[in-house]
Amino acid sequence: MTTFSLQLKEADNQQIQIWLAYLRSLDFIQALTPNETISNNGYLSVAELKKQYPNEWLLLADTQMNELELLGGRVILRAADKRQLALQGRDLVKQYAKVRHYYTGERTPIRHMIFWKRD
């Protein structure tokens, strides 16, 4: 796995957005910076998560919940597969107090079938 770091001045928001757009266009880039968007510290609502990352598994930090419903959070990792997300996120989880995974696509309901044996 190859990683690199790019340091830009926080005041240069336009340059940061240009680099982030370029990095997102690369297929192999999956880990995101904690402060991806300067304006809201990277926090995205569920609607924004679904729009920006369609049909992907996300590892979220700093999540906000409304009883049992997720309201949003900061994306720290994304993957097409839940297992891949879990494997890649093992070390990232240790850096945050609380993380959650979330799927932005439509989930198919689990159907249970029960078979009865008649005597």
C-alpha atoms as a PDB file:
ATOM      1  CA  MET A   1       0.000   0.000   0.000  1.00  0.00           C
ATOM      2  CA  THR A   2       1.413   3.376  -1.008  1.00  0.00           C
ATOM      3  CA  THR A   3       0.621   6.484   0.989  1.00  0.00           C
ATOM      4  CA  PHE A   4       1.614  10.073   0.539  1.00  0.00           C
ATOM      5  CA  SER A   5       1.024  13.311   2.353  1.00  0.00           C
ATOM      6  CA  LEU A   6       0.326  16.739   0.918  1.00  0.00           C
ATOM      7  CA  GLN A   7       0.526  19.805   3.115  1.00  0.00           C
ATOM      8  CA  LEU A   8      -1.374  22.920   2.108  1.00  0.00           C
ATOM      9  CA  LYS A   9      -2.125  26.065   4.041  1.00  0.00           C
ATOM     10  CA  GLU A  10      -5.589  25.871   5.579  1.00  0.00           C
ATOM     11  CA  ALA A  11      -6.394  29.341   4.256  1.00  0.00           C
ATOM     12  CA  ASP A  12      -6.049  28.135   0.647  1.00  0.00           C
ATOM     13  CA  ASN A  13      -9.457  26.409   0.525  1.00  0.00           C
ATOM     14  CA  GLN A  14      -9.716  26.547  -3.289  1.00  0.00           C
ATOM     15  CA  GLN A  15      -6.407  24.729  -3.733  1.00  0.00           C
ATOM     16  CA  ILE A  16      -7.457  22.106  -1.183  1.00  0.00           C
ATOM     17  CA  GLN A  17     -10.728  21.480  -3.026  1.00  0.00           C
ATOM     18  CA  ILE A  18      -8.860  21.102  -6.346  1.00  0.00           C
ATOM     19  CA  TRP A  19      -6.515  18.506  -4.841  1.00  0.00           C
ATOM     20  CA  LEU A  20      -9.358  16.626  -3.168  1.00  0.00           C
ATOM     21  CA  ALA A  21     -11.289  16.481  -6.458  1.00  0.00           C
ATOM     22  CA  TYR A  22      -8.202  15.112  -8.190  1.00  0.00           C
ATOM     23  CA  LEU A  23      -7.527  12.532  -5.476  1.00  0.00           C
ATOM     24  CA  ARG A  24     -11.145  11.352  -5.519  1.00  0.00           C
ATOM     25  CA  SER A  25     -10.856  10.753  -9.270  1.00  0.00           C
ATOM     26  CA  LEU A  26      -8.148   8.147  -8.661  1.00  0.00           C
ATOM     27  CA  ASP A  27      -9.565   4.652  -8.257  1.00  0.00           C
ATOM     28  CA  PHE A  28      -7.068   3.527  -5.629  1.00  0.00           C
ATOM     29  CA  ILE A  29      -7.679   6.418  -3.223  1.00  0.00           C
ATOM     30  CA  GLN A  30     -10.030   5.310  -0.463  1.00  0.00           C
ATOM     31  CA  ALA A  31      -8.818   6.722   2.835  1.00  0.00           C
ATOM     32  CA  LEU A  32      -9.925  10.299   3.326  1.00  0.00           C
ATOM     33  CA  THR A  33      -8.509  13.041   5.479  1.00  0.00           C
ATOM     34  CA  PRO A  34     -10.391  13.797   8.718  1.00  0.00           C
ATOM     35  CA  ASN A  35     -10.950  17.428   7.644  1.00  0.00           C
ATOM     36  CA  GLU A  36     -11.963  16.781   4.065  1.00  0.00           C
ATOM     37  CA  THR A  37     -14.081  19.890   3.744  1.00  0.00           C
ATOM     38  CA  ILE A  38     -12.905  22.951   5.612  1.00  0.00           C
ATOM     39  CA  SER A  39     -16.307  24.636   5.851  1.00  0.00           C
ATOM     40  CA  ASN A  40     -17.921  21.979   8.057  1.00  0.00           C
ATOM     41  CA  ASN A  41     -14.927  19.997   9.378  1.00  0.00           C
ATOM     42  CA  GLY A  42     -15.800  17.104   7.084  1.00  0.00           C
ATOM     43  CA  TYR A  43     -19.180  16.425   8.686  1.00  0.00           C
ATOM     44  CA  LEU A  44     -21.769  15.222   6.169  1.00  0.00           C
ATOM     45  CA  SER A  45     -25.441  14.487   6.696  1.00  0.00           C
ATOM     46  CA  VAL A  46     -26.882  11.128   5.600  1.00  0.00           C
ATOM     47  CA  ALA A  47     -28.335  12.743   2.453  1.00  0.00           C
ATOM     48  CA  GLU A  48     -24.915  14.192   1.576  1.00  0.00           C
ATOM     49  CA  LEU A  49     -23.227  10.838   2.257  1.00  0.00           C
ATOM     50  CA  LYS A  50     -25.629   9.037  -0.072  1.00  0.00           C
ATOM     51  CA  LYS A  51     -25.161  11.651  -2.801  1.00  0.00           C
ATOM     52  CA  GLN A  52     -21.364  11.844  -2.559  1.00  0.00           C
ATOM     53  CA  TYR A  53     -20.675   8.115  -2.010  1.00  0.00           C
ATOM     54  CA  PRO A  54     -23.452   6.111  -3.742  1.00  0.00           C
ATOM     55  CA  ASN A  55     -23.586   2.351  -3.066  1.00  0.00           C
ATOM     56  CA  GLU A  56     -20.488   2.295  -0.856  1.00  0.00           C
ATOM     57  CA  TRP A  57     -19.646   1.163   2.661  1.00  0.00           C
ATOM     58  CA  LEU A  58     -18.374   4.040   4.788  1.00  0.00           C
ATOM     59  CA  LEU A  59     -16.474   4.099   8.055  1.00  0.00           C
ATOM     60  CA  LEU A  60     -17.655   7.200   9.909  1.00  0.00           C
ATOM     61  CA  ALA A  61     -16.180   9.056  12.884  1.00  0.00           C
ATOM     62  CA  ASP A  62     -17.820  11.735  15.029  1.00  0.00           C
ATOM     63  CA  THR A  63     -21.264  10.450  14.172  1.00  0.00           C
ATOM     64  CA  GLN A  64     -24.460  12.035  15.382  1.00  0.00           C
ATOM     65  CA  MET A  65     -27.491   9.901  16.119  1.00  0.00           C
ATOM     66  CA  ASN A  66     -31.169  10.597  16.715  1.00  0.00           C
ATOM     67  CA  GLU A  67     -32.127   7.712  19.003  1.00  0.00           C
ATOM     68  CA  LEU A  68     -31.552   4.799  16.574  1.00  0.00           C
ATOM     69  CA  GLU A  69     -31.162   6.781  13.352  1.00  0.00           C
ATOM     70  CA  LEU A  70     -27.855   8.028  11.964  1.00  0.00           C
ATOM     71  CA  LEU A  71     -27.858  11.765  11.193  1.00  0.00           C
ATOM     72  CA  GLY A  72     -24.331  12.057   9.773  1.00  0.00           C
ATOM     73  CA  GLY A  73     -20.610  11.918  10.446  1.00  0.00           C
ATOM     74  CA  ARG A  74     -17.100  12.338   9.045  1.00  0.00           C
ATOM     75  CA  VAL A  75     -15.949   9.807   6.450  1.00  0.00           C
ATOM     76  CA  ILE A  76     -12.591   8.279   7.321  1.00  0.00           C
ATOM     77  CA  LEU A  77     -12.660   5.311   4.936  1.00  0.00           C
ATOM     78  CA  ARG A  78     -14.797   4.019   2.087  1.00  0.00           C
ATOM     79  CA  ALA A  79     -14.996   0.724   0.222  1.00  0.00           C
ATOM     80  CA  ALA A  80     -17.276  -1.134  -2.164  1.00  0.00           C
ATOM     81  CA  ASP A  81     -17.349  -4.208   0.081  1.00  0.00           C
ATOM     82  CA  LYS A  82     -18.089  -4.427   3.818  1.00  0.00           C
ATOM     83  CA  ARG A  83     -15.358  -7.011   4.400  1.00  0.00           C
ATOM     84  CA  GLN A  84     -12.806  -4.807   2.616  1.00  0.00           C
ATOM     85  CA  LEU A  85     -13.882  -1.870   4.791  1.00  0.00           C
ATOM     86  CA  ALA A  86     -13.417  -3.933   7.948  1.00  0.00           C
ATOM     87  CA  LEU A  87      -9.958  -5.139   6.914  1.00  0.00           C
ATOM     88  CA  GLN A  88      -8.701  -1.717   5.881  1.00  0.00           C
ATOM     89  CA  GLY A  89     -10.285   0.028   8.853  1.00  0.00           C
ATOM     90  CA  ARG A  90      -8.743  -2.150  11.563  1.00  0.00           C
ATOM     91  CA  ASP A  91      -5.983   0.315  12.394  1.00  0.00           C
ATOM     92  CA  LEU A  92      -8.059   3.455  11.776  1.00  0.00           C
ATOM     93  CA  VAL A  93     -10.621   2.454  14.398  1.00  0.00           C
ATOM     94  CA  LYS A  94      -7.994   2.787  17.126  1.00  0.00           C
ATOM     95  CA  GLN A  95      -7.502   6.495  16.327  1.00  0.00           C
ATOM     96  CA  TYR A  96     -11.102   7.502  17.096  1.00  0.00           C
ATOM     97  CA  ALA A  97     -13.233   7.209  20.212  1.00  0.00           C
ATOM     98  CA  LYS A  98     -16.307   6.046  18.314  1.00  0.00           C
ATOM     99  CA  VAL A  99     -16.770   4.885  14.724  1.00  0.00           C
ATOM    100  CA  ARG A 100     -19.681   3.398  12.801  1.00  0.00           C
ATOM    101  CA  HIS A 101     -20.041   1.727   9.446  1.00  0.00           C
ATOM    102  CA  TYR A 102     -22.820   2.752   7.073  1.00  0.00           C
ATOM    103  CA  TYR A 103     -23.984   1.578   3.635  1.00  0.00           C
ATOM    104  CA  THR A 104     -25.243   4.331   1.335  1.00  0.00           C
ATOM    105  CA  GLY A 105     -27.070   2.118  -1.156  1.00  0.00           C
ATOM    106  CA  GLU A 106     -30.394   0.364  -0.975  1.00  0.00           C
ATOM    107  CA  ARG A 107     -30.204  -2.639   1.296  1.00  0.00           C
ATOM    108  CA  THR A 108     -32.137  -5.713   0.343  1.00  0.00           C
ATOM    109  CA  PRO A 109     -34.268  -7.050   3.162  1.00  0.00           C
ATOM    110  CA  ILE A 110     -33.179 -10.282   4.738  1.00  0.00           C
ATOM    111  CA  ARG A 111     -35.719 -12.980   4.121  1.00  0.00           C
ATOM    112  CA  HIS A 112     -35.905 -15.917   6.400  1.00  0.00           C
ATOM    113  CA  MET A 113     -37.274 -19.204   5.238  1.00  0.00           C
ATOM    114  CA  ILE A 114     -38.429 -21.804   7.697  1.00  0.00           C
ATOM    115  CA  PHE A 115     -38.885 -25.381   6.627  1.00  0.00           C
ATOM    116  CA  TRP A 116     -41.083 -27.690   8.609  1.00  0.00           C
ATOM    117  CA  LYS A 117     -40.741 -31.388   8.420  1.00  0.00           C
ATOM    118  CA  ARG A 118     -44.070 -33.170   8.473  1.00  0.00           C
ATOM    119  CA  ASP A 119     -44.208 -36.595  10.014  1.00  0.00           C
END
